Amino acid sequence: MIHPRIKELLVESVMVKQQILQDEALLATIDQVASICTIAFKGHKKLLFCGNGGSASDAQHIAAELSGRFYLDREALDAEALHVNSSALTAIANDYSYDEVYARMVQAKGQQGDVLFALSTSGNSPNILRAAEEAKKRFMLVVGMTGKSGGKLAQISDYLINIPSTDTARIQECHITVGHLICELVEQAIFGKNESAKN
């Protein structure tokens, strides 16, 4: 007999995506984010990503789709998840504090016109907020990816993709879905439409 929670969890996940589908303002924001990423790449700028735990994995996943490939065989795009340098991350955490790990990396790498994707399901992670603050000082655009409330990150973000849920797992599932949407739109805009994506 199939455990009932399997279907229940799948239904919950689908319901959150349906809410996104019905939210024209949120869909418009996703579209705008794809556009600003396209503009950044065409201007030889880069995308930086940061998150903690599962959100760090999501950040790395989305960056990899852009720097490697998504659907198309094409030139690499400059996208990086800031936590992948474990020596830098642990050194900064040890010498300063964990709250500063991403802010220091943004100081080192961020330039005007770059885009920071700040992933935090609560919108209140101190190190993510600090990274966003540093990005704003450098005239970067900040894309906040959060849960329903947006938390404190909502006030710092230029674009807020706040998934309509308070459940961490459901939020992260939708962050990846949105990330994939952005990757496909960016690829199409820069390198041409991929007809095989639908096959």
N, C-alpha and C. Protein backbone atom coordinates (compact mmCIF):
# COMPACT_ATOMS: atom_id res chain seq x y z
N MET A 1 0.84 -1.20 0.00
CA MET A 1 0.00 0.00 0.00
C MET A 1 0.88 1.25 0.00
N ILE A 2 0.55 2.21 -0.85
CA ILE A 2 1.34 3.44 -0.96
C ILE A 2 1.07 4.32 0.26
N HIS A 3 2.15 4.82 0.84
CA HIS A 3 2.02 5.72 1.99
C HIS A 3 1.25 6.97 1.58
N PRO A 4 0.23 7.38 2.33
CA PRO A 4 -0.62 8.52 1.93
C PRO A 4 0.13 9.85 1.83
N ARG A 5 1.23 9.98 2.59
CA ARG A 5 1.96 11.24 2.57
C ARG A 5 2.61 11.51 1.23
N ILE A 6 2.88 10.46 0.46
CA ILE A 6 3.51 10.67 -0.85
C ILE A 6 2.62 11.54 -1.72
N LYS A 7 1.36 11.14 -1.84
CA LYS A 7 0.43 11.93 -2.65
C LYS A 7 0.15 13.29 -2.03
N GLU A 8 0.06 13.33 -0.70
CA GLU A 8 -0.22 14.58 -0.01
C GLU A 8 0.88 15.61 -0.27
N LEU A 9 2.13 15.16 -0.19
CA LEU A 9 3.25 16.07 -0.40
C LEU A 9 3.32 16.55 -1.84
N LEU A 10 3.04 15.65 -2.77
CA LEU A 10 3.03 16.05 -4.17
C LEU A 10 1.92 17.07 -4.44
N VAL A 11 0.77 16.86 -3.83
CA VAL A 11 -0.33 17.82 -3.98
C VAL A 11 0.05 19.18 -3.40
N GLU A 12 0.69 19.17 -2.23
CA GLU A 12 1.13 20.42 -1.61
C GLU A 12 2.09 21.17 -2.53
N SER A 13 3.03 20.44 -3.12
CA SER A 13 4.00 21.06 -4.02
C SER A 13 3.31 21.66 -5.24
N VAL A 14 2.39 20.91 -5.81
CA VAL A 14 1.65 21.39 -6.99
C VAL A 14 0.83 22.62 -6.64
N MET A 15 0.22 22.64 -5.47
CA MET A 15 -0.63 23.76 -5.07
C MET A 15 0.17 25.06 -4.97
N VAL A 16 1.40 24.98 -4.46
CA VAL A 16 2.22 26.19 -4.38
C VAL A 16 2.55 26.68 -5.79
N LYS A 17 2.88 25.77 -6.68
CA LYS A 17 3.17 26.17 -8.06
C LYS A 17 1.94 26.76 -8.74
N GLN A 18 0.77 26.23 -8.41
CA GLN A 18 -0.46 26.80 -8.97
C GLN A 18 -0.68 28.23 -8.49
N GLN A 19 -0.34 28.48 -7.23
CA GLN A 19 -0.45 29.85 -6.71
C GLN A 19 0.48 30.80 -7.44
N ILE A 20 1.68 30.33 -7.74
CA ILE A 20 2.62 31.14 -8.51
C ILE A 20 2.04 31.42 -9.90
N LEU A 21 1.49 30.39 -10.51
CA LEU A 21 0.92 30.50 -11.85
C LEU A 21 -0.20 31.54 -11.91
N GLN A 22 -0.91 31.72 -10.80
CA GLN A 22 -2.03 32.65 -10.76
C GLN A 22 -1.64 34.06 -10.30
N ASP A 23 -0.38 34.23 -9.92
CA ASP A 23 0.09 35.51 -9.39
C ASP A 23 0.80 36.28 -10.51
N GLU A 24 0.04 37.15 -11.19
CA GLU A 24 0.59 37.86 -12.35
C GLU A 24 1.76 38.77 -11.96
N ALA A 25 1.70 39.36 -10.79
CA ALA A 25 2.79 40.23 -10.35
C ALA A 25 4.08 39.45 -10.14
N LEU A 26 3.97 38.27 -9.53
CA LEU A 26 5.15 37.44 -9.30
C LEU A 26 5.71 36.92 -10.63
N LEU A 27 4.82 36.53 -11.53
CA LEU A 27 5.26 36.08 -12.85
C LEU A 27 5.98 37.21 -13.59
N ALA A 28 5.47 38.41 -13.46
CA ALA A 28 6.11 39.57 -14.10
C ALA A 28 7.50 39.82 -13.52
N THR A 29 7.63 39.62 -12.21
CA THR A 29 8.94 39.79 -11.57
C THR A 29 9.93 38.76 -12.10
N ILE A 30 9.49 37.51 -12.21
CA ILE A 30 10.37 36.47 -12.76
C ILE A 30 10.82 36.84 -14.17
N ASP A 31 9.90 37.34 -14.98
CA ASP A 31 10.22 37.78 -16.33
C ASP A 31 11.24 38.92 -16.30
N GLN A 32 11.04 39.88 -15.40
CA GLN A 32 11.97 41.00 -15.28
C GLN A 32 13.36 40.53 -14.84
N VAL A 33 13.41 39.57 -13.93
CA VAL A 33 14.69 39.05 -13.47
C VAL A 33 15.44 38.38 -14.62
N ALA A 34 14.73 37.61 -15.42
CA ALA A 34 15.37 36.99 -16.60
C ALA A 34 15.94 38.08 -17.51
N SER A 35 15.22 39.17 -17.66
CA SER A 35 15.67 40.26 -18.53
C SER A 35 16.91 40.95 -17.97
N ILE A 36 16.93 41.22 -16.66
CA ILE A 36 18.10 41.91 -16.10
C ILE A 36 19.33 41.00 -16.11
N CYS A 37 19.11 39.70 -15.99
CA CYS A 37 20.23 38.76 -16.11
C CYS A 37 20.78 38.75 -17.53
N THR A 38 19.89 38.77 -18.49
CA THR A 38 20.29 38.81 -19.90
C THR A 38 21.09 40.07 -20.19
N ILE A 39 20.62 41.20 -19.70
CA ILE A 39 21.32 42.47 -19.90
C ILE A 39 22.70 42.42 -19.25
N ALA A 40 22.78 41.85 -18.04
CA ALA A 40 24.06 41.75 -17.34
C ALA A 40 25.05 40.91 -18.14
N PHE A 41 24.62 39.75 -18.60
CA PHE A 41 25.53 38.89 -19.36
C PHE A 41 25.96 39.54 -20.67
N LYS A 42 25.02 40.19 -21.35
CA LYS A 42 25.36 40.85 -22.62
C LYS A 42 26.34 42.01 -22.39
N GLY A 43 26.32 42.58 -21.20
CA GLY A 43 27.24 43.65 -20.85
C GLY A 43 28.51 43.15 -20.19
N HIS A 44 28.76 41.84 -20.29
CA HIS A 44 29.96 41.21 -19.72
C HIS A 44 30.03 41.37 -18.20
N LYS A 45 28.87 41.33 -17.58
CA LYS A 45 28.78 41.33 -16.12
C LYS A 45 28.52 39.90 -15.65
N LYS A 46 28.43 39.71 -14.35
CA LYS A 46 28.28 38.36 -13.81
C LYS A 46 27.15 38.27 -12.82
N LEU A 47 26.75 37.03 -12.55
CA LEU A 47 25.75 36.72 -11.53
C LEU A 47 26.43 36.00 -10.38
N LEU A 48 26.18 36.45 -9.16
CA LEU A 48 26.68 35.80 -7.96
C LEU A 48 25.49 35.27 -7.18
N PHE A 49 25.66 34.11 -6.55
CA PHE A 49 24.59 33.45 -5.83
C PHE A 49 25.05 33.13 -4.42
N CYS A 50 24.13 33.26 -3.45
CA CYS A 50 24.47 32.86 -2.08
C CYS A 50 23.23 32.33 -1.36
N GLY A 51 23.47 31.39 -0.46
CA GLY A 51 22.41 30.78 0.34
C GLY A 51 23.02 29.89 1.39
N ASN A 52 22.21 29.39 2.29
CA ASN A 52 22.67 28.50 3.36
C ASN A 52 21.95 27.15 3.25
N GLY A 53 22.67 26.08 3.54
CA GLY A 53 22.05 24.75 3.55
C GLY A 53 21.46 24.38 2.20
N GLY A 54 20.16 24.03 2.20
CA GLY A 54 19.49 23.69 0.96
C GLY A 54 19.50 24.84 -0.02
N SER A 55 19.45 26.06 0.47
CA SER A 55 19.49 27.23 -0.40
C SER A 55 20.87 27.41 -1.02
N ALA A 56 21.92 26.97 -0.32
CA ALA A 56 23.26 26.98 -0.91
C ALA A 56 23.31 25.99 -2.07
N SER A 57 22.70 24.83 -1.88
CA SER A 57 22.63 23.85 -2.96
C SER A 57 21.86 24.40 -4.15
N ASP A 58 20.75 25.08 -3.88
CA ASP A 58 19.96 25.68 -4.95
C ASP A 58 20.78 26.76 -5.67
N ALA A 59 21.50 27.57 -4.91
CA ALA A 59 22.34 28.61 -5.51
C ALA A 59 23.38 28.00 -6.44
N GLN A 60 24.01 26.94 -5.97
CA GLN A 60 25.04 26.27 -6.77
C GLN A 60 24.43 25.61 -8.00
N HIS A 61 23.26 25.04 -7.85
CA HIS A 61 22.57 24.39 -8.96
C HIS A 61 22.27 25.39 -10.07
N ILE A 62 21.69 26.53 -9.72
CA ILE A 62 21.33 27.52 -10.73
C ILE A 62 22.57 28.11 -11.39
N ALA A 63 23.59 28.40 -10.59
CA ALA A 63 24.84 28.93 -11.16
C ALA A 63 25.46 27.94 -12.13
N ALA A 64 25.39 26.65 -11.80
CA ALA A 64 25.96 25.63 -12.68
C ALA A 64 25.23 25.54 -14.01
N GLU A 65 23.90 25.71 -13.98
CA GLU A 65 23.13 25.66 -15.23
C GLU A 65 23.54 26.80 -16.17
N LEU A 66 23.94 27.92 -15.59
CA LEU A 66 24.33 29.08 -16.39
C LEU A 66 25.79 29.01 -16.82
N SER A 67 26.68 28.64 -15.93
CA SER A 67 28.10 28.61 -16.27
C SER A 67 28.45 27.39 -17.12
N GLY A 68 27.66 26.33 -16.97
CA GLY A 68 27.87 25.15 -17.81
C GLY A 68 26.98 25.22 -19.03
N ARG A 69 25.80 24.62 -18.91
CA ARG A 69 24.79 24.72 -19.96
C ARG A 69 23.45 24.35 -19.36
N PHE A 70 22.40 24.78 -20.02
CA PHE A 70 21.06 24.34 -19.63
C PHE A 70 20.52 23.44 -20.73
N TYR A 71 19.90 23.99 -21.76
CA TYR A 71 19.49 23.18 -22.91
C TYR A 71 20.49 23.28 -24.07
N LEU A 72 21.14 24.42 -24.20
CA LEU A 72 21.91 24.69 -25.41
C LEU A 72 23.40 24.46 -25.22
N ASP A 73 24.05 23.97 -26.26
CA ASP A 73 25.51 23.98 -26.32
C ASP A 73 25.91 25.38 -26.74
N ARG A 74 26.54 26.11 -25.86
CA ARG A 74 26.81 27.53 -26.11
C ARG A 74 27.97 27.97 -25.24
N GLU A 75 28.37 29.24 -25.38
CA GLU A 75 29.44 29.78 -24.56
C GLU A 75 29.02 29.80 -23.09
N ALA A 76 30.01 29.70 -22.23
CA ALA A 76 29.74 29.74 -20.79
C ALA A 76 29.32 31.15 -20.37
N LEU A 77 28.47 31.21 -19.36
CA LEU A 77 28.06 32.48 -18.78
C LEU A 77 28.69 32.61 -17.40
N ASP A 78 29.03 33.83 -17.01
CA ASP A 78 29.76 34.06 -15.77
C ASP A 78 28.80 34.07 -14.59
N ALA A 79 28.64 32.91 -13.97
CA ALA A 79 27.76 32.76 -12.81
C ALA A 79 28.47 31.91 -11.77
N GLU A 80 28.40 32.32 -10.52
CA GLU A 80 29.17 31.64 -9.47
C GLU A 80 28.41 31.61 -8.15
N ALA A 81 28.42 30.46 -7.51
CA ALA A 81 27.89 30.34 -6.15
C ALA A 81 29.03 30.64 -5.18
N LEU A 82 28.83 31.59 -4.30
CA LEU A 82 29.92 32.11 -3.48
C LEU A 82 30.45 31.14 -2.44
N HIS A 83 29.69 30.12 -2.08
CA HIS A 83 30.13 29.22 -1.01
C HIS A 83 31.06 28.11 -1.49
N VAL A 84 31.31 28.01 -2.80
CA VAL A 84 32.05 26.84 -3.29
C VAL A 84 33.53 26.87 -2.91
N ASN A 85 34.06 28.05 -2.57
CA ASN A 85 35.45 28.13 -2.07
C ASN A 85 35.42 27.93 -0.56
N SER A 86 35.54 26.68 -0.15
CA SER A 86 35.38 26.35 1.28
C SER A 86 36.49 26.94 2.13
N SER A 87 37.69 27.10 1.57
CA SER A 87 38.79 27.70 2.35
C SER A 87 38.50 29.15 2.66
N ALA A 88 38.01 29.89 1.66
CA ALA A 88 37.66 31.29 1.90
C ALA A 88 36.50 31.40 2.87
N LEU A 89 35.49 30.56 2.69
CA LEU A 89 34.32 30.63 3.54
C LEU A 89 34.69 30.36 5.00
N THR A 90 35.48 29.33 5.24
CA THR A 90 35.83 28.99 6.62
C THR A 90 36.81 29.98 7.22
N ALA A 91 37.69 30.54 6.40
CA ALA A 91 38.63 31.55 6.90
C ALA A 91 37.89 32.81 7.34
N ILE A 92 36.95 33.26 6.51
CA ILE A 92 36.19 34.46 6.85
C ILE A 92 35.33 34.22 8.08
N ALA A 93 34.71 33.05 8.15
CA ALA A 93 33.88 32.72 9.31
C ALA A 93 34.73 32.69 10.58
N ASN A 94 35.94 32.19 10.47
CA ASN A 94 36.82 32.08 11.63
C ASN A 94 37.41 33.43 12.03
N ASP A 95 37.84 34.22 11.04
CA ASP A 95 38.52 35.49 11.33
C ASP A 95 37.56 36.63 11.61
N TYR A 96 36.38 36.57 11.04
CA TYR A 96 35.38 37.63 11.24
C TYR A 96 34.16 37.02 11.95
N SER A 97 33.21 36.54 11.17
CA SER A 97 32.07 35.81 11.72
C SER A 97 31.33 35.20 10.54
N TYR A 98 30.46 34.23 10.84
CA TYR A 98 29.71 33.60 9.75
C TYR A 98 28.79 34.61 9.06
N ASP A 99 28.38 35.62 9.79
CA ASP A 99 27.52 36.64 9.20
C ASP A 99 28.21 37.39 8.06
N GLU A 100 29.54 37.37 8.05
CA GLU A 100 30.29 38.15 7.06
C GLU A 100 30.79 37.33 5.87
N VAL A 101 30.52 36.02 5.84
CA VAL A 101 31.16 35.18 4.82
C VAL A 101 30.82 35.62 3.40
N TYR A 102 29.58 35.94 3.14
CA TYR A 102 29.20 36.33 1.78
C TYR A 102 29.45 37.81 1.51
N ALA A 103 29.32 38.63 2.52
CA ALA A 103 29.60 40.06 2.35
C ALA A 103 31.04 40.28 1.91
N ARG A 104 31.98 39.56 2.53
CA ARG A 104 33.39 39.69 2.15
C ARG A 104 33.62 39.24 0.72
N MET A 105 32.95 38.19 0.31
CA MET A 105 33.11 37.70 -1.06
C MET A 105 32.50 38.66 -2.07
N VAL A 106 31.40 39.28 -1.70
CA VAL A 106 30.81 40.30 -2.57
C VAL A 106 31.75 41.49 -2.68
N GLN A 107 32.41 41.87 -1.58
CA GLN A 107 33.39 42.94 -1.61
C GLN A 107 34.51 42.63 -2.59
N ALA A 108 34.92 41.37 -2.61
CA ALA A 108 36.04 40.96 -3.47
C ALA A 108 35.65 40.85 -4.94
N LYS A 109 34.44 40.37 -5.20
CA LYS A 109 34.06 40.02 -6.57
C LYS A 109 33.04 40.95 -7.21
N GLY A 110 32.21 41.59 -6.41
CA GLY A 110 31.08 42.34 -6.94
C GLY A 110 31.48 43.66 -7.57
N GLN A 111 30.87 43.96 -8.73
CA GLN A 111 31.10 45.22 -9.42
C GLN A 111 29.77 45.80 -9.89
N GLN A 112 29.77 47.07 -10.17
CA GLN A 112 28.57 47.72 -10.65
C GLN A 112 28.04 46.99 -11.89
N GLY A 113 26.73 46.74 -11.89
CA GLY A 113 26.12 46.05 -13.01
C GLY A 113 25.99 44.56 -12.83
N ASP A 114 26.72 43.99 -11.87
CA ASP A 114 26.57 42.57 -11.55
C ASP A 114 25.23 42.35 -10.84
N VAL A 115 24.82 41.09 -10.75
CA VAL A 115 23.56 40.75 -10.09
C VAL A 115 23.84 39.74 -8.98
N LEU A 116 23.32 40.00 -7.79
CA LEU A 116 23.41 39.05 -6.67
C LEU A 116 22.07 38.39 -6.47
N PHE A 117 22.06 37.06 -6.52
CA PHE A 117 20.88 36.28 -6.13
C PHE A 117 21.07 35.88 -4.67
N ALA A 118 20.19 36.38 -3.81
CA ALA A 118 20.27 36.12 -2.38
C ALA A 118 19.13 35.19 -1.99
N LEU A 119 19.46 33.94 -1.66
CA LEU A 119 18.46 32.93 -1.37
C LEU A 119 18.33 32.72 0.13
N SER A 120 17.13 32.92 0.65
CA SER A 120 16.85 32.70 2.07
C SER A 120 15.35 32.44 2.20
N THR A 121 14.97 31.27 2.62
CA THR A 121 13.54 30.95 2.69
C THR A 121 12.81 31.86 3.67
N SER A 122 13.49 32.26 4.74
CA SER A 122 12.88 33.17 5.71
C SER A 122 13.03 34.63 5.29
N GLY A 123 14.07 34.90 4.51
CA GLY A 123 14.40 36.28 4.18
C GLY A 123 15.11 37.00 5.29
N ASN A 124 15.52 36.28 6.32
CA ASN A 124 16.11 36.91 7.50
C ASN A 124 17.49 36.37 7.87
N SER A 125 18.11 35.58 7.02
CA SER A 125 19.44 35.04 7.33
C SER A 125 20.45 36.18 7.39
N PRO A 126 21.13 36.37 8.53
CA PRO A 126 22.03 37.53 8.67
C PRO A 126 23.12 37.61 7.61
N ASN A 127 23.72 36.48 7.24
CA ASN A 127 24.81 36.55 6.26
C ASN A 127 24.29 36.88 4.85
N ILE A 128 23.06 36.50 4.57
CA ILE A 128 22.46 36.83 3.27
C ILE A 128 22.09 38.32 3.23
N LEU A 129 21.58 38.83 4.33
CA LEU A 129 21.26 40.25 4.41
C LEU A 129 22.52 41.11 4.27
N ARG A 130 23.60 40.69 4.91
CA ARG A 130 24.86 41.42 4.81
C ARG A 130 25.39 41.40 3.37
N ALA A 131 25.26 40.27 2.71
CA ALA A 131 25.70 40.18 1.31
C ALA A 131 24.90 41.15 0.44
N ALA A 132 23.60 41.20 0.67
CA ALA A 132 22.74 42.10 -0.10
C ALA A 132 23.11 43.56 0.16
N GLU A 133 23.40 43.88 1.40
CA GLU A 133 23.80 45.25 1.74
C GLU A 133 25.09 45.64 1.01
N GLU A 134 26.05 44.73 1.00
CA GLU A 134 27.32 45.01 0.32
C GLU A 134 27.12 45.13 -1.19
N ALA A 135 26.24 44.33 -1.73
CA ALA A 135 25.95 44.40 -3.17
C ALA A 135 25.37 45.77 -3.53
N LYS A 136 24.47 46.26 -2.70
CA LYS A 136 23.85 47.56 -2.97
C LYS A 136 24.90 48.68 -2.92
N LYS A 137 25.87 48.56 -2.02
CA LYS A 137 26.94 49.56 -1.94
C LYS A 137 27.75 49.61 -3.23
N ARG A 138 27.80 48.49 -3.92
CA ARG A 138 28.58 48.39 -5.16
C ARG A 138 27.71 48.57 -6.40
N PHE A 139 26.51 49.05 -6.20
CA PHE A 139 25.58 49.33 -7.30
C PHE A 139 25.28 48.07 -8.12
N MET A 140 25.22 46.96 -7.42
CA MET A 140 24.75 45.72 -8.02
C MET A 140 23.24 45.64 -7.86
N LEU A 141 22.60 44.84 -8.69
CA LEU A 141 21.18 44.55 -8.50
C LEU A 141 21.04 43.34 -7.59
N VAL A 142 20.06 43.37 -6.71
CA VAL A 142 19.85 42.26 -5.77
C VAL A 142 18.51 41.60 -6.08
N VAL A 143 18.57 40.30 -6.32
CA VAL A 143 17.36 39.49 -6.50
C VAL A 143 17.19 38.64 -5.24
N GLY A 144 16.17 38.92 -4.47
CA GLY A 144 15.88 38.13 -3.28
C GLY A 144 14.97 36.97 -3.64
N MET A 145 15.35 35.77 -3.23
CA MET A 145 14.51 34.59 -3.41
C MET A 145 14.16 34.07 -2.03
N THR A 146 12.89 34.20 -1.66
CA THR A 146 12.47 33.94 -0.29
C THR A 146 11.16 33.15 -0.27
N GLY A 147 10.62 33.02 0.94
CA GLY A 147 9.28 32.51 1.12
C GLY A 147 8.28 33.65 1.10
N LYS A 148 7.09 33.36 1.58
CA LYS A 148 5.94 34.26 1.42
C LYS A 148 6.18 35.68 1.91
N SER A 149 6.72 35.85 3.12
CA SER A 149 6.81 37.19 3.70
C SER A 149 7.93 38.02 3.10
N GLY A 150 8.96 37.38 2.63
CA GLY A 150 10.13 38.11 2.13
C GLY A 150 11.09 38.51 3.22
N GLY A 151 10.61 38.54 4.46
CA GLY A 151 11.46 38.90 5.59
C GLY A 151 12.13 40.25 5.40
N LYS A 152 13.26 40.44 6.06
CA LYS A 152 14.01 41.69 5.95
C LYS A 152 14.62 41.86 4.56
N LEU A 153 14.83 40.75 3.87
CA LEU A 153 15.43 40.81 2.53
C LEU A 153 14.53 41.55 1.55
N ALA A 154 13.24 41.55 1.81
CA ALA A 154 12.30 42.25 0.93
C ALA A 154 12.62 43.73 0.81
N GLN A 155 13.13 44.32 1.89
CA GLN A 155 13.42 45.75 1.91
C GLN A 155 14.71 46.10 1.18
N ILE A 156 15.57 45.12 0.99
CA ILE A 156 16.88 45.36 0.37
C ILE A 156 16.87 44.98 -1.11
N SER A 157 16.00 44.07 -1.49
CA SER A 157 16.01 43.52 -2.85
C SER A 157 15.45 44.51 -3.87
N ASP A 158 16.08 44.53 -5.04
CA ASP A 158 15.53 45.27 -6.17
C ASP A 158 14.38 44.47 -6.81
N TYR A 159 14.51 43.16 -6.76
CA TYR A 159 13.49 42.25 -7.28
C TYR A 159 13.28 41.15 -6.25
N LEU A 160 12.04 40.92 -5.86
CA LEU A 160 11.74 39.91 -4.85
C LEU A 160 10.91 38.80 -5.45
N ILE A 161 11.47 37.59 -5.42
CA ILE A 161 10.73 36.40 -5.83
C ILE A 161 10.36 35.66 -4.55
N ASN A 162 9.20 36.01 -4.01
CA ASN A 162 8.77 35.45 -2.73
C ASN A 162 7.71 34.37 -3.00
N ILE A 163 8.15 33.15 -2.84
CA ILE A 163 7.29 32.00 -3.08
C ILE A 163 6.14 32.00 -2.07
N PRO A 164 4.89 31.81 -2.51
CA PRO A 164 3.74 31.90 -1.60
C PRO A 164 3.58 30.68 -0.69
N SER A 165 4.53 30.50 0.20
CA SER A 165 4.50 29.38 1.15
C SER A 165 5.35 29.73 2.35
N THR A 166 5.07 29.07 3.47
CA THR A 166 5.90 29.20 4.67
C THR A 166 6.63 27.89 4.96
N ASP A 167 6.46 26.91 4.09
CA ASP A 167 7.08 25.59 4.25
C ASP A 167 8.42 25.58 3.52
N THR A 168 9.51 25.39 4.26
CA THR A 168 10.85 25.47 3.68
C THR A 168 11.03 24.55 2.48
N ALA A 169 10.58 23.32 2.60
CA ALA A 169 10.75 22.36 1.49
C ALA A 169 10.02 22.81 0.24
N ARG A 170 8.78 23.28 0.41
CA ARG A 170 7.99 23.73 -0.75
C ARG A 170 8.62 24.98 -1.38
N ILE A 171 9.15 25.87 -0.54
CA ILE A 171 9.79 27.08 -1.04
C ILE A 171 11.01 26.73 -1.89
N GLN A 172 11.84 25.83 -1.36
CA GLN A 172 13.06 25.46 -2.08
C GLN A 172 12.75 24.74 -3.38
N GLU A 173 11.72 23.91 -3.38
CA GLU A 173 11.31 23.25 -4.63
C GLU A 173 10.96 24.29 -5.69
N CYS A 174 10.27 25.32 -5.27
CA CYS A 174 9.86 26.36 -6.22
C CYS A 174 11.02 27.27 -6.61
N HIS A 175 11.99 27.45 -5.72
CA HIS A 175 13.17 28.23 -6.09
C HIS A 175 13.89 27.57 -7.27
N ILE A 176 13.99 26.25 -7.23
CA ILE A 176 14.64 25.55 -8.34
C ILE A 176 13.80 25.66 -9.61
N THR A 177 12.49 25.53 -9.49
CA THR A 177 11.62 25.69 -10.66
C THR A 177 11.79 27.07 -11.28
N VAL A 178 11.77 28.11 -10.45
CA VAL A 178 11.95 29.47 -10.94
C VAL A 178 13.35 29.64 -11.52
N GLY A 179 14.34 29.07 -10.86
CA GLY A 179 15.71 29.14 -11.38
C GLY A 179 15.81 28.54 -12.77
N HIS A 180 15.16 27.42 -12.98
CA HIS A 180 15.16 26.78 -14.30
C HIS A 180 14.46 27.65 -15.33
N LEU A 181 13.37 28.29 -14.94
CA LEU A 181 12.68 29.21 -15.84
C LEU A 181 13.61 30.33 -16.29
N ILE A 182 14.31 30.91 -15.33
CA ILE A 182 15.22 32.02 -15.64
C ILE A 182 16.36 31.54 -16.54
N CYS A 183 16.91 30.38 -16.25
CA CYS A 183 18.00 29.84 -17.08
C CYS A 183 17.55 29.66 -18.53
N GLU A 184 16.37 29.11 -18.72
CA GLU A 184 15.89 28.88 -20.09
C GLU A 184 15.64 30.20 -20.81
N LEU A 185 15.02 31.16 -20.13
CA LEU A 185 14.73 32.45 -20.76
C LEU A 185 16.02 33.18 -21.12
N VAL A 186 17.01 33.11 -20.25
CA VAL A 186 18.30 33.77 -20.52
C VAL A 186 18.99 33.11 -21.71
N GLU A 187 19.03 31.79 -21.73
CA GLU A 187 19.64 31.09 -22.86
C GLU A 187 18.96 31.46 -24.17
N GLN A 188 17.65 31.46 -24.18
CA GLN A 188 16.91 31.78 -25.40
C GLN A 188 17.21 33.20 -25.86
N ALA A 189 17.25 34.13 -24.91
CA ALA A 189 17.46 35.54 -25.25
C ALA A 189 18.86 35.79 -25.81
N ILE A 190 19.85 35.09 -25.28
CA ILE A 190 21.24 35.35 -25.68
C ILE A 190 21.67 34.48 -26.86
N PHE A 191 21.27 33.23 -26.85
CA PHE A 191 21.81 32.28 -27.82
C PHE A 191 20.78 31.75 -28.83
N GLY A 192 19.53 32.11 -28.68
CA GLY A 192 18.51 31.68 -29.63
C GLY A 192 17.63 30.61 -29.05
N LYS A 193 16.41 30.54 -29.57
CA LYS A 193 15.41 29.61 -29.06
C LYS A 193 15.84 28.17 -29.29
N ASN A 194 15.60 27.34 -28.29
CA ASN A 194 15.95 25.92 -28.38
C ASN A 194 14.70 25.10 -28.65
N GLU A 195 14.54 24.67 -29.89
CA GLU A 195 13.35 23.91 -30.23
C GLU A 195 13.32 22.54 -29.57
N SER A 196 14.52 21.99 -29.29
CA SER A 196 14.57 20.64 -28.71
C SER A 196 14.14 20.60 -27.27
N ALA A 197 14.03 21.78 -26.62
CA ALA A 197 13.65 21.83 -25.19
C ALA A 197 12.27 21.22 -24.98
N LYS A 198 11.44 21.27 -26.00
CA LYS A 198 10.07 20.75 -25.84
C LYS A 198 9.98 19.28 -26.21
N ASN A 199 11.04 18.71 -26.73
CA ASN A 199 11.00 17.30 -27.19
C ASN A 199 11.28 16.32 -26.06
